[in-house]
């Protein structure tokens, strides 16, 4: 993304984190009547040991000088997680993976060992995505629970886009917003990691224009490289299904992610998958 877009993304992120912190949680008095929730800018500046003017300019997305040490102070004041700290540094210092990673790789190949792992996870829907959330691999359980991805052209096989465009995916999750927030948290982590790749900015702008509900969810999204969540599905054929989602980075030259939906052990989900996938 260009410098202006990067600083704007930084501005939105800082504001979103600031308004979520209650004064008393960081040792400040609640104070009088507040016009907005969370901390005031001067309070963040006080906690971080910087001037109110400098922090205000930072949050406004102005092009100012900043150091990693000062950003760490801001991160501590806003109680950022490890993933959020990385995101802050990437946006503020343009410390992504560099121009060598700007261009998307050719369609990644799924190695035989990884294919074997997916197939062995017979009753665990598993999806492999690249760093732009293009779906590059899946197993039979994923086709049954989600979609027959083989019927979707590769250029349209983006998980974020499909979650907004395919009605069957919107209907699948009992709490669709909770479902999509997990994916957006990971996508935002990629957004910071590959800060120099203009594709991310173009994709976000396109999604905001085409899907109005994307904008608010994107601005509220967290930054997590590997969230673990419990998701309830209402499948058209199998009914209620409960899964634990575990997202794993695949080691190798291609930046791939393996999302595994494990049937909740205290549910009938696995038995339902067995009956549907292995009819006798």
Protein backbone atom coordinates (compact mmCIF):
# COMPACT_ATOMS: atom_id res chain seq x y z
CA UNK A 1 0.00 0.00 0.00
CA UNK A 2 1.19 3.57 -0.52
CA UNK A 3 2.39 5.72 2.37
CA UNK A 4 -0.85 7.70 2.69
CA UNK A 5 -2.98 4.54 2.86
CA UNK A 6 -0.60 2.99 5.37
CA UNK A 7 -0.76 6.01 7.68
CA UNK A 8 -4.54 6.09 7.38
CA UNK A 9 -4.68 2.42 8.38
CA UNK A 10 -2.44 3.25 11.35
CA UNK A 11 -4.80 6.07 12.36
CA UNK A 12 -7.86 3.82 12.28
CA UNK A 13 -6.06 1.12 14.26
CA UNK A 14 -4.87 3.45 17.04
CA UNK A 15 -8.30 5.00 17.49
CA UNK A 16 -9.98 1.59 17.63
CA UNK A 17 -7.58 0.35 20.32
CA UNK A 18 -7.77 3.55 22.39
CA UNK A 19 -11.56 3.61 22.72
CA UNK A 20 -11.61 0.02 24.01
CA UNK A 21 -9.52 0.78 27.12
CA UNK A 22 -11.27 1.91 30.28
CA UNK A 23 -9.30 4.52 32.31
CA UNK A 24 -9.56 2.58 35.57
CA UNK A 25 -8.07 -0.52 33.91
CA UNK A 26 -4.76 1.33 33.42
CA UNK A 27 -4.70 3.05 36.79
CA UNK A 28 -6.33 6.32 35.77
CA UNK A 29 -9.29 7.88 37.52
CA UNK A 30 -12.54 7.56 35.54
CA UNK A 31 -12.77 11.34 35.56
CA UNK A 32 -15.78 13.44 34.73
CA UNK A 33 -18.22 13.05 31.94
CA UNK A 34 -16.59 11.66 28.78
CA UNK A 35 -17.88 12.42 25.31
CA UNK A 36 -16.36 9.23 23.88
CA UNK A 37 -15.62 5.81 25.36
CA UNK A 38 -12.15 4.69 26.33
CA UNK A 39 -9.04 6.76 26.89
CA UNK A 40 -8.44 10.31 25.75
CA UNK A 41 -5.48 11.03 23.50
CA UNK A 42 -3.71 12.95 26.27
CA UNK A 43 -4.09 9.95 28.56
CA UNK A 44 -2.46 7.63 26.04
CA UNK A 45 0.34 10.17 25.64
CA UNK A 46 0.75 10.33 29.43
CA UNK A 47 0.94 6.55 29.75
CA UNK A 48 3.43 6.30 26.87
CA UNK A 49 5.61 9.18 28.05
CA UNK A 50 5.22 11.25 24.87
CA UNK A 51 3.75 14.67 24.21
CA UNK A 52 0.04 14.97 23.56
CA UNK A 53 0.75 16.86 20.34
CA UNK A 54 3.03 14.14 19.00
CA UNK A 55 0.56 11.35 19.81
CA UNK A 56 -2.29 13.37 18.30
CA UNK A 57 -0.34 13.74 15.08
CA UNK A 58 0.45 10.01 15.12
CA UNK A 59 -3.21 9.09 15.55
CA UNK A 60 -4.22 11.57 12.85
CA UNK A 61 -2.01 9.70 10.40
CA UNK A 62 0.43 12.56 9.86
CA UNK A 63 3.79 11.80 8.29
CA UNK A 64 6.02 12.29 11.35
CA UNK A 65 9.27 10.78 12.59
CA UNK A 66 8.91 7.82 14.93
CA UNK A 67 11.16 5.18 16.39
CA UNK A 68 10.68 1.55 17.33
CA UNK A 69 11.33 2.41 20.99
CA UNK A 70 8.59 5.06 21.11
CA UNK A 71 6.19 2.75 19.29
CA UNK A 72 6.84 0.12 21.95
CA UNK A 73 5.79 2.68 24.57
CA UNK A 74 2.60 3.36 22.62
CA UNK A 75 1.99 -0.40 22.35
CA UNK A 76 2.36 -0.81 26.10
CA UNK A 77 0.03 2.09 26.81
CA UNK A 78 -2.62 0.57 24.53
CA UNK A 79 -1.99 -2.95 25.90
CA UNK A 80 -1.36 -4.41 22.47
CA UNK A 81 -0.82 -8.12 21.96
CA UNK A 82 2.29 -9.50 20.25
CA UNK A 83 0.45 -9.65 16.91
CA UNK A 84 -0.88 -6.12 17.35
CA UNK A 85 2.59 -4.81 18.18
CA UNK A 86 3.94 -6.32 14.97
CA UNK A 87 1.06 -4.71 13.07
CA UNK A 88 1.76 -1.31 14.65
CA UNK A 89 5.45 -1.46 13.75
CA UNK A 90 4.70 -2.62 10.20
CA UNK A 91 2.33 0.27 9.53
CA UNK A 92 4.36 2.94 11.29
CA UNK A 93 7.83 1.94 10.08
CA UNK A 94 6.90 0.15 6.86
CA UNK A 95 8.69 -2.90 8.18
CA UNK A 96 6.92 -5.56 6.14
CA UNK A 97 8.65 -8.33 4.21
CA UNK A 98 9.94 -6.01 1.52
CA UNK A 99 9.58 -5.57 -2.19
CA UNK A 100 10.71 -9.11 -2.91
CA UNK A 101 7.37 -10.32 -1.53
CA UNK A 102 5.14 -7.71 -3.18
CA UNK A 103 4.11 -9.82 -6.11
CA UNK A 104 1.89 -12.81 -5.45
CA UNK A 105 3.57 -16.12 -6.08
CA UNK A 106 2.33 -18.51 -8.72
CA UNK A 107 -0.46 -20.73 -7.52
CA UNK A 108 1.23 -22.70 -4.71
CA UNK A 109 1.47 -26.43 -5.06
CA UNK A 110 0.22 -28.61 -2.22
CA UNK A 111 3.02 -31.00 -1.32
CA UNK A 112 2.25 -34.75 -1.12
CA UNK A 113 2.89 -34.81 2.67
CA UNK A 114 0.49 -31.90 3.22
CA UNK A 115 -2.10 -33.56 0.98
CA UNK A 116 -1.68 -36.74 3.03
CA UNK A 117 -2.26 -34.83 6.26
CA UNK A 118 -5.45 -33.25 4.88
CA UNK A 119 -6.79 -36.59 3.70
CA UNK A 120 -6.02 -38.22 7.06
CA UNK A 121 -8.10 -35.50 8.75
CA UNK A 122 -11.13 -37.17 7.21
CA UNK A 123 -13.74 -35.85 9.63
CA UNK A 124 -12.04 -32.50 10.21
CA UNK A 125 -12.86 -30.01 7.43
CA UNK A 126 -9.49 -28.57 6.41
CA UNK A 127 -8.74 -25.67 4.08
CA UNK A 128 -5.32 -24.46 2.86
CA UNK A 129 -5.03 -20.78 1.90
CA UNK A 130 -2.21 -18.57 0.69
CA UNK A 131 -1.24 -15.22 2.16
CA UNK A 132 -4.08 -13.49 0.30
CA UNK A 133 -6.62 -16.04 1.53
CA UNK A 134 -6.94 -17.67 -1.88
CA UNK A 135 -8.02 -21.27 -1.33
CA UNK A 136 -5.39 -23.60 -2.76
CA UNK A 137 -6.33 -26.90 -1.11
CA UNK A 138 -9.07 -28.65 0.86
CA UNK A 139 -10.23 -32.10 1.86
CA UNK A 140 -13.51 -33.95 1.32
CA UNK A 141 -14.93 -32.89 4.68
CA UNK A 142 -14.43 -29.21 3.76
CA UNK A 143 -16.30 -29.73 0.48
CA UNK A 144 -19.18 -31.31 2.39
CA UNK A 145 -19.45 -28.71 5.17
CA UNK A 146 -18.65 -25.56 3.16
CA UNK A 147 -18.72 -25.66 -0.64
CA UNK A 148 -17.50 -27.75 -3.52
CA UNK A 149 -14.55 -25.44 -4.10
CA UNK A 150 -13.64 -27.32 -7.26
CA UNK A 151 -16.67 -25.74 -8.94
CA UNK A 152 -15.37 -22.22 -8.24
CA UNK A 153 -12.69 -20.76 -10.59
CA UNK A 154 -9.38 -20.23 -8.81
CA UNK A 155 -9.45 -16.48 -9.45
CA UNK A 156 -12.73 -16.28 -7.49
CA UNK A 157 -11.71 -18.74 -4.81
CA UNK A 158 -10.83 -16.19 -2.12
CA UNK A 159 -12.11 -17.16 1.34
CA UNK A 160 -12.80 -13.60 2.53
CA UNK A 161 -14.71 -12.74 -0.65
CA UNK A 162 -16.68 -16.00 -0.58
CA UNK A 163 -17.77 -15.41 3.01
CA UNK A 164 -19.40 -12.17 1.89
CA UNK A 165 -20.77 -13.28 -1.48
CA UNK A 166 -22.01 -16.84 -1.02
CA UNK A 167 -25.36 -17.02 0.76
CA UNK A 168 -24.81 -20.64 1.79
CA UNK A 169 -21.74 -19.56 3.79
CA UNK A 170 -23.62 -16.66 5.36
CA UNK A 171 -26.37 -19.04 6.43
CA UNK A 172 -23.97 -21.72 7.62
CA UNK A 173 -22.59 -20.00 10.71
CA UNK A 174 -25.10 -19.36 13.50
CA UNK A 175 -23.17 -16.16 14.28
CA UNK A 176 -21.80 -15.13 10.89
CA UNK A 177 -20.13 -11.98 12.24
CA UNK A 178 -18.25 -14.01 14.85
CA UNK A 179 -17.20 -16.40 12.08
CA UNK A 180 -15.93 -13.68 9.76
CA UNK A 181 -14.13 -11.78 12.53
CA UNK A 182 -11.72 -14.68 13.01
CA UNK A 183 -10.76 -14.59 9.34
CA UNK A 184 -10.46 -10.79 9.31
CA UNK A 185 -8.16 -10.91 12.35
CA UNK A 186 -5.78 -13.17 10.43
CA UNK A 187 -6.15 -11.13 7.25
CA UNK A 188 -5.27 -7.94 9.13
CA UNK A 189 -2.12 -9.65 10.43
CA UNK A 190 -1.17 -10.40 6.80
CA UNK A 191 -2.07 -6.81 5.89
CA UNK A 192 0.61 -5.57 8.28
CA UNK A 193 3.10 -8.31 7.48
CA UNK A 194 3.02 -7.51 3.75
CA UNK A 195 2.62 -3.77 4.20
CA UNK A 196 4.49 -3.01 0.96
CA UNK A 197 2.21 -5.15 -1.21
CA UNK A 198 -0.37 -2.82 -2.86
CA UNK A 199 -2.74 -5.76 -3.45
CA UNK A 200 -4.03 -5.62 0.13
CA UNK A 201 -5.10 -2.00 -0.07
CA UNK A 202 -6.85 -2.59 -3.40
CA UNK A 203 -8.64 -5.65 -2.04
CA UNK A 204 -9.86 -3.85 1.09
CA UNK A 205 -11.09 -0.89 -0.98
CA UNK A 206 -12.92 -3.23 -3.35
CA UNK A 207 -14.58 -5.11 -0.49
CA UNK A 208 -15.70 -1.87 1.16
CA UNK A 209 -17.23 -0.67 -2.11
CA UNK A 210 -19.00 -3.91 -3.00
CA UNK A 211 -20.00 -5.06 0.50
CA UNK A 212 -21.06 -2.22 2.83
CA UNK A 213 -21.00 -4.47 5.92
CA UNK A 214 -17.32 -5.24 5.29
CA UNK A 215 -16.23 -1.69 6.22
CA UNK A 216 -17.47 -1.75 9.82
CA UNK A 217 -16.27 -5.31 10.43
CA UNK A 218 -12.86 -4.45 9.00
CA UNK A 219 -12.44 -1.35 11.16
CA UNK A 220 -13.43 -3.31 14.27
CA UNK A 221 -11.32 -6.35 13.47
CA UNK A 222 -8.56 -7.49 15.77
CA UNK A 223 -5.06 -8.57 14.76
CA UNK A 224 -4.35 -12.25 15.43
CA UNK A 225 -2.10 -14.56 13.50
CA UNK A 226 -3.72 -17.71 14.87
CA UNK A 227 -7.06 -17.28 16.66
CA UNK A 228 -8.72 -20.34 18.15
CA UNK A 229 -12.50 -20.16 18.25
CA UNK A 230 -15.54 -22.38 18.76
CA UNK A 231 -18.00 -22.09 15.88
CA UNK A 232 -21.55 -23.38 15.61
CA UNK A 233 -22.85 -24.25 12.15
CA UNK A 234 -26.38 -25.01 11.04
CA UNK A 235 -25.72 -27.26 8.11
CA UNK A 236 -28.46 -27.68 5.48
CA UNK A 237 -28.15 -31.49 5.59
CA UNK A 238 -26.47 -32.34 8.90
CA UNK A 239 -28.10 -29.77 11.17
CA UNK A 240 -26.25 -28.40 14.21
CA UNK A 241 -22.47 -28.87 14.09
CA UNK A 242 -19.84 -27.56 16.53
CA UNK A 243 -16.21 -27.08 15.52
CA UNK A 244 -13.04 -25.78 17.11
CA UNK A 245 -11.10 -23.79 14.51
CA UNK A 246 -7.32 -24.05 14.71
CA UNK A 247 -5.25 -22.02 12.25
CA UNK A 248 -1.67 -23.12 11.59
CA UNK A 249 1.18 -21.73 9.52
CA UNK A 250 2.63 -24.26 7.07
CA UNK A 251 6.42 -24.22 7.09
CA UNK A 252 7.99 -23.90 3.66
CA UNK A 253 8.84 -21.46 0.88
CA UNK A 254 5.18 -20.56 0.25
CA UNK A 255 3.33 -18.66 2.97
CA UNK A 256 0.44 -21.09 3.43
CA UNK A 257 -2.08 -21.46 6.24
CA UNK A 258 -3.89 -24.61 7.29
CA UNK A 259 -7.31 -24.04 8.90
CA UNK A 260 -8.59 -27.16 10.64
CA UNK A 261 -12.15 -27.45 11.92
CA UNK A 262 -12.07 -30.13 14.61
CA UNK A 263 -15.45 -31.52 15.73
CA UNK A 264 -16.16 -30.50 19.34
CA UNK A 265 -15.58 -33.61 21.48
CA UNK A 266 -18.78 -33.14 23.51
CA UNK A 267 -20.97 -32.89 20.41
CA UNK A 268 -22.43 -35.27 17.82
CA UNK A 269 -20.64 -33.47 14.99
CA UNK A 270 -18.12 -36.18 14.13
CA UNK A 271 -20.80 -38.88 14.11
CA UNK A 272 -22.88 -36.77 11.73
CA UNK A 273 -19.93 -36.39 9.39
CA UNK A 274 -19.27 -40.12 9.51
CA UNK A 275 -22.88 -40.94 8.60
CA UNK A 276 -23.03 -38.39 5.77
CA UNK A 277 -19.61 -39.09 4.30
CA UNK A 278 -19.55 -42.86 4.79
CA UNK A 279 -23.13 -43.99 4.09
CA UNK A 280 -23.76 -47.74 4.26
